[in-house]
Amino acid sequence: MLPAQVDPTVLNKERLYLNDGLKSFYVKAKMQCFSG
């Protein structure tokens, strides 16, 4: 549930945080695949 008025900077920070999390997860999975 998002409030009617949301600070765009907060949304951008959350989006960046999610992207970083996905990237780190992807890198970890790739490393595990390469390590066998």
PDB file of N, CA and C in Angstrom:
ATOM      1  N   MET A   1       0.847  -1.195   0.000  1.00  0.00           N
ATOM      2  CA  MET A   1       0.000   0.000   0.000  1.00  0.00           C
ATOM      3  C   MET A   1       0.879   1.240   0.000  1.00  0.00           C
ATOM      4  N   LEU A   2       0.837   1.997  -1.087  1.00  0.00           N
ATOM      5  CA  LEU A   2       1.629   3.219  -1.177  1.00  0.00           C
ATOM      6  C   LEU A   2       0.751   4.420  -0.883  1.00  0.00           C
ATOM      7  N   PRO A   3       1.270   5.364  -0.121  1.00  0.00           N
ATOM      8  CA  PRO A   3       0.517   6.598   0.120  1.00  0.00           C
ATOM      9  C   PRO A   3       0.317   7.368  -1.185  1.00  0.00           C
ATOM     10  N   ALA A   4      -0.640   8.279  -1.181  1.00  0.00           N
ATOM     11  CA  ALA A   4      -0.949   9.021  -2.407  1.00  0.00           C
ATOM     12  C   ALA A   4       0.273   9.810  -2.870  1.00  0.00           C
ATOM     13  N   GLN A   5       0.957  10.461  -1.927  1.00  0.00           N
ATOM     14  CA  GLN A   5       2.117  11.275  -2.280  1.00  0.00           C
ATOM     15  C   GLN A   5       3.382  10.564  -1.816  1.00  0.00           C
ATOM     16  N   VAL A   6       4.210  10.174  -2.770  1.00  0.00           N
ATOM     17  CA  VAL A   6       5.458   9.486  -2.429  1.00  0.00           C
ATOM     18  C   VAL A   6       6.627  10.278  -2.985  1.00  0.00           C
ATOM     19  N   ASP A   7       7.666  10.417  -2.177  1.00  0.00           N
ATOM     20  CA  ASP A   7       8.853  11.139  -2.628  1.00  0.00           C
ATOM     21  C   ASP A   7       9.548  10.304  -3.699  1.00  0.00           C
ATOM     22  N   PRO A   8       9.731  10.831  -4.905  1.00  0.00           N
ATOM     23  CA  PRO A   8      10.362  10.055  -5.984  1.00  0.00           C
ATOM     24  C   PRO A   8      11.743   9.553  -5.595  1.00  0.00           C
ATOM     25  N   THR A   9      12.479  10.337  -4.798  1.00  0.00           N
ATOM     26  CA  THR A   9      13.832   9.917  -4.422  1.00  0.00           C
ATOM     27  C   THR A   9      13.771   8.644  -3.594  1.00  0.00           C
ATOM     28  N   VAL A  10      12.748   8.525  -2.759  1.00  0.00           N
ATOM     29  CA  VAL A  10      12.619   7.318  -1.938  1.00  0.00           C
ATOM     30  C   VAL A  10      12.355   6.115  -2.836  1.00  0.00           C
ATOM     31  N   LEU A  11      11.478   6.289  -3.827  1.00  0.00           N
ATOM     32  CA  LEU A  11      11.184   5.189  -4.746  1.00  0.00           C
ATOM     33  C   LEU A  11      12.438   4.802  -5.521  1.00  0.00           C
ATOM     34  N   ASN A  12      13.207   5.795  -5.958  1.00  0.00           N
ATOM     35  CA  ASN A  12      14.428   5.499  -6.700  1.00  0.00           C
ATOM     36  C   ASN A  12      15.402   4.732  -5.828  1.00  0.00           C
ATOM     37  N   LYS A  13      15.522   5.133  -4.553  1.00  0.00           N
ATOM     38  CA  LYS A  13      16.429   4.427  -3.647  1.00  0.00           C
ATOM     39  C   LYS A  13      15.981   2.989  -3.467  1.00  0.00           C
ATOM     40  N   GLU A  14      14.686   2.781  -3.294  1.00  0.00           N
ATOM     41  CA  GLU A  14      14.177   1.418  -3.115  1.00  0.00           C
ATOM     42  C   GLU A  14      14.417   0.598  -4.377  1.00  0.00           C
ATOM     43  N   ARG A  15      14.230   1.219  -5.533  1.00  0.00           N
ATOM     44  CA  ARG A  15      14.437   0.498  -6.792  1.00  0.00           C
ATOM     45  C   ARG A  15      15.906   0.116  -6.939  1.00  0.00           C
ATOM     46  N   LEU A  16      16.800   1.054  -6.599  1.00  0.00           N
ATOM     47  CA  LEU A  16      18.228   0.754  -6.677  1.00  0.00           C
ATOM     48  C   LEU A  16      18.573  -0.369  -5.720  1.00  0.00           C
ATOM     49  N   TYR A  17      17.985  -0.334  -4.526  1.00  0.00           N
ATOM     50  CA  TYR A  17      18.265  -1.368  -3.530  1.00  0.00           C
ATOM     51  C   TYR A  17      17.812  -2.727  -4.052  1.00  0.00           C
ATOM     52  N   LEU A  18      16.638  -2.774  -4.659  1.00  0.00           N
ATOM     53  CA  LEU A  18      16.135  -4.038  -5.203  1.00  0.00           C
ATOM     54  C   LEU A  18      17.026  -4.520  -6.338  1.00  0.00           C
ATOM     55  N   ASN A  19      17.444  -3.596  -7.204  1.00  0.00           N
ATOM     56  CA  ASN A  19      18.306  -3.981  -8.323  1.00  0.00           C
ATOM     57  C   ASN A  19      19.625  -4.534  -7.811  1.00  0.00           C
ATOM     58  N   ASP A  20      20.201  -3.887  -6.779  1.00  0.00           N
ATOM     59  CA  ASP A  20      21.457  -4.379  -6.214  1.00  0.00           C
ATOM     60  C   ASP A  20      21.257  -5.771  -5.635  1.00  0.00           C
ATOM     61  N   GLY A  21      20.135  -5.989  -4.975  1.00  0.00           N
ATOM     62  CA  GLY A  21      19.863  -7.294  -4.387  1.00  0.00           C
ATOM     63  C   GLY A  21      19.758  -8.364  -5.466  1.00  0.00           C
ATOM     64  N   LEU A  22      19.056  -8.037  -6.561  1.00  0.00           N
ATOM     65  CA  LEU A  22      18.919  -9.006  -7.648  1.00  0.00           C
ATOM     66  C   LEU A  22      20.269  -9.280  -8.289  1.00  0.00           C
ATOM     67  N   LYS A  23      21.079  -8.218  -8.447  1.00  0.00           N
ATOM     68  CA  LYS A  23      22.393  -8.401  -9.070  1.00  0.00           C
ATOM     69  C   LYS A  23      23.268  -9.299  -8.216  1.00  0.00           C
ATOM     70  N   SER A  24      23.300  -9.036  -6.913  1.00  0.00           N
ATOM     71  CA  SER A  24      24.143  -9.845  -6.028  1.00  0.00           C
ATOM     72  C   SER A  24      23.653 -11.289  -6.029  1.00  0.00           C
ATOM     73  N   PHE A  25      22.332 -11.484  -6.028  1.00  0.00           N
ATOM     74  CA  PHE A  25      21.775 -12.838  -6.059  1.00  0.00           C
ATOM     75  C   PHE A  25      22.167 -13.538  -7.357  1.00  0.00           C
ATOM     76  N   TYR A  26      22.087 -12.812  -8.468  1.00  0.00           N
ATOM     77  CA  TYR A  26      22.446 -13.378  -9.774  1.00  0.00           C
ATOM     78  C   TYR A  26      23.921 -13.749  -9.809  1.00  0.00           C
ATOM     79  N   VAL A  27      24.771 -12.863  -9.281  1.00  0.00           N
ATOM     80  CA  VAL A  27      26.214 -13.128  -9.265  1.00  0.00           C
ATOM     81  C   VAL A  27      26.503 -14.352  -8.408  1.00  0.00           C
ATOM     82  N   LYS A  28      25.855 -14.443  -7.250  1.00  0.00           N
ATOM     83  CA  LYS A  28      26.070 -15.606  -6.370  1.00  0.00           C
ATOM     84  C   LYS A  28      25.661 -16.890  -7.078  1.00  0.00           C
ATOM     85  N   ALA A  29      24.511 -16.865  -7.744  1.00  0.00           N
ATOM     86  CA  ALA A  29      24.037 -18.060  -8.449  1.00  0.00           C
ATOM     87  C   ALA A  29      25.013 -18.432  -9.561  1.00  0.00           C
ATOM     88  N   LYS A  30      25.518 -17.424 -10.272  1.00  0.00           N
ATOM     89  CA  LYS A  30      26.451 -17.695 -11.361  1.00  0.00           C
ATOM     90  C   LYS A  30      27.744 -18.300 -10.807  1.00  0.00           C
ATOM     91  N   MET A  31      28.216 -17.753  -9.691  1.00  0.00           N
ATOM     92  CA  MET A  31      29.440 -18.271  -9.087  1.00  0.00           C
ATOM     93  C   MET A  31      29.238 -19.724  -8.684  1.00  0.00           C
ATOM     94  N   GLN A  32      28.075 -20.039  -8.120  1.00  0.00           N
ATOM     95  CA  GLN A  32      27.802 -21.414  -7.703  1.00  0.00           C
ATOM     96  C   GLN A  32      27.767 -22.330  -8.922  1.00  0.00           C
ATOM     97  N   CYS A  33      27.202 -21.857 -10.016  1.00  0.00           N
ATOM     98  CA  CYS A  33      27.137 -22.678 -11.231  1.00  0.00           C
ATOM     99  C   CYS A  33      28.548 -22.944 -11.748  1.00  0.00           C
ATOM    100  N   PHE A  34      29.398 -21.923 -11.745  1.00  0.00           N
ATOM    101  CA  PHE A  34      30.758 -22.090 -12.253  1.00  0.00           C
ATOM    102  C   PHE A  34      31.573 -22.987 -11.327  1.00  0.00           C
ATOM    103  N   SER A  35      31.347 -22.863 -10.011  1.00  0.00           N
ATOM    104  CA  SER A  35      32.120 -23.663  -9.059  1.00  0.00           C
ATOM    105  C   SER A  35      31.666 -25.121  -9.102  1.00  0.00           C
ATOM    106  N   GLY A  36      30.473 -25.362  -9.670  1.00  0.00           N
ATOM    107  CA  GLY A  36      29.987 -26.721  -9.800  1.00  0.00           C
ATOM    108  C   GLY A  36      29.438 -27.232  -8.499  1.00  0.00           C
TER     109      GLY A  36
END
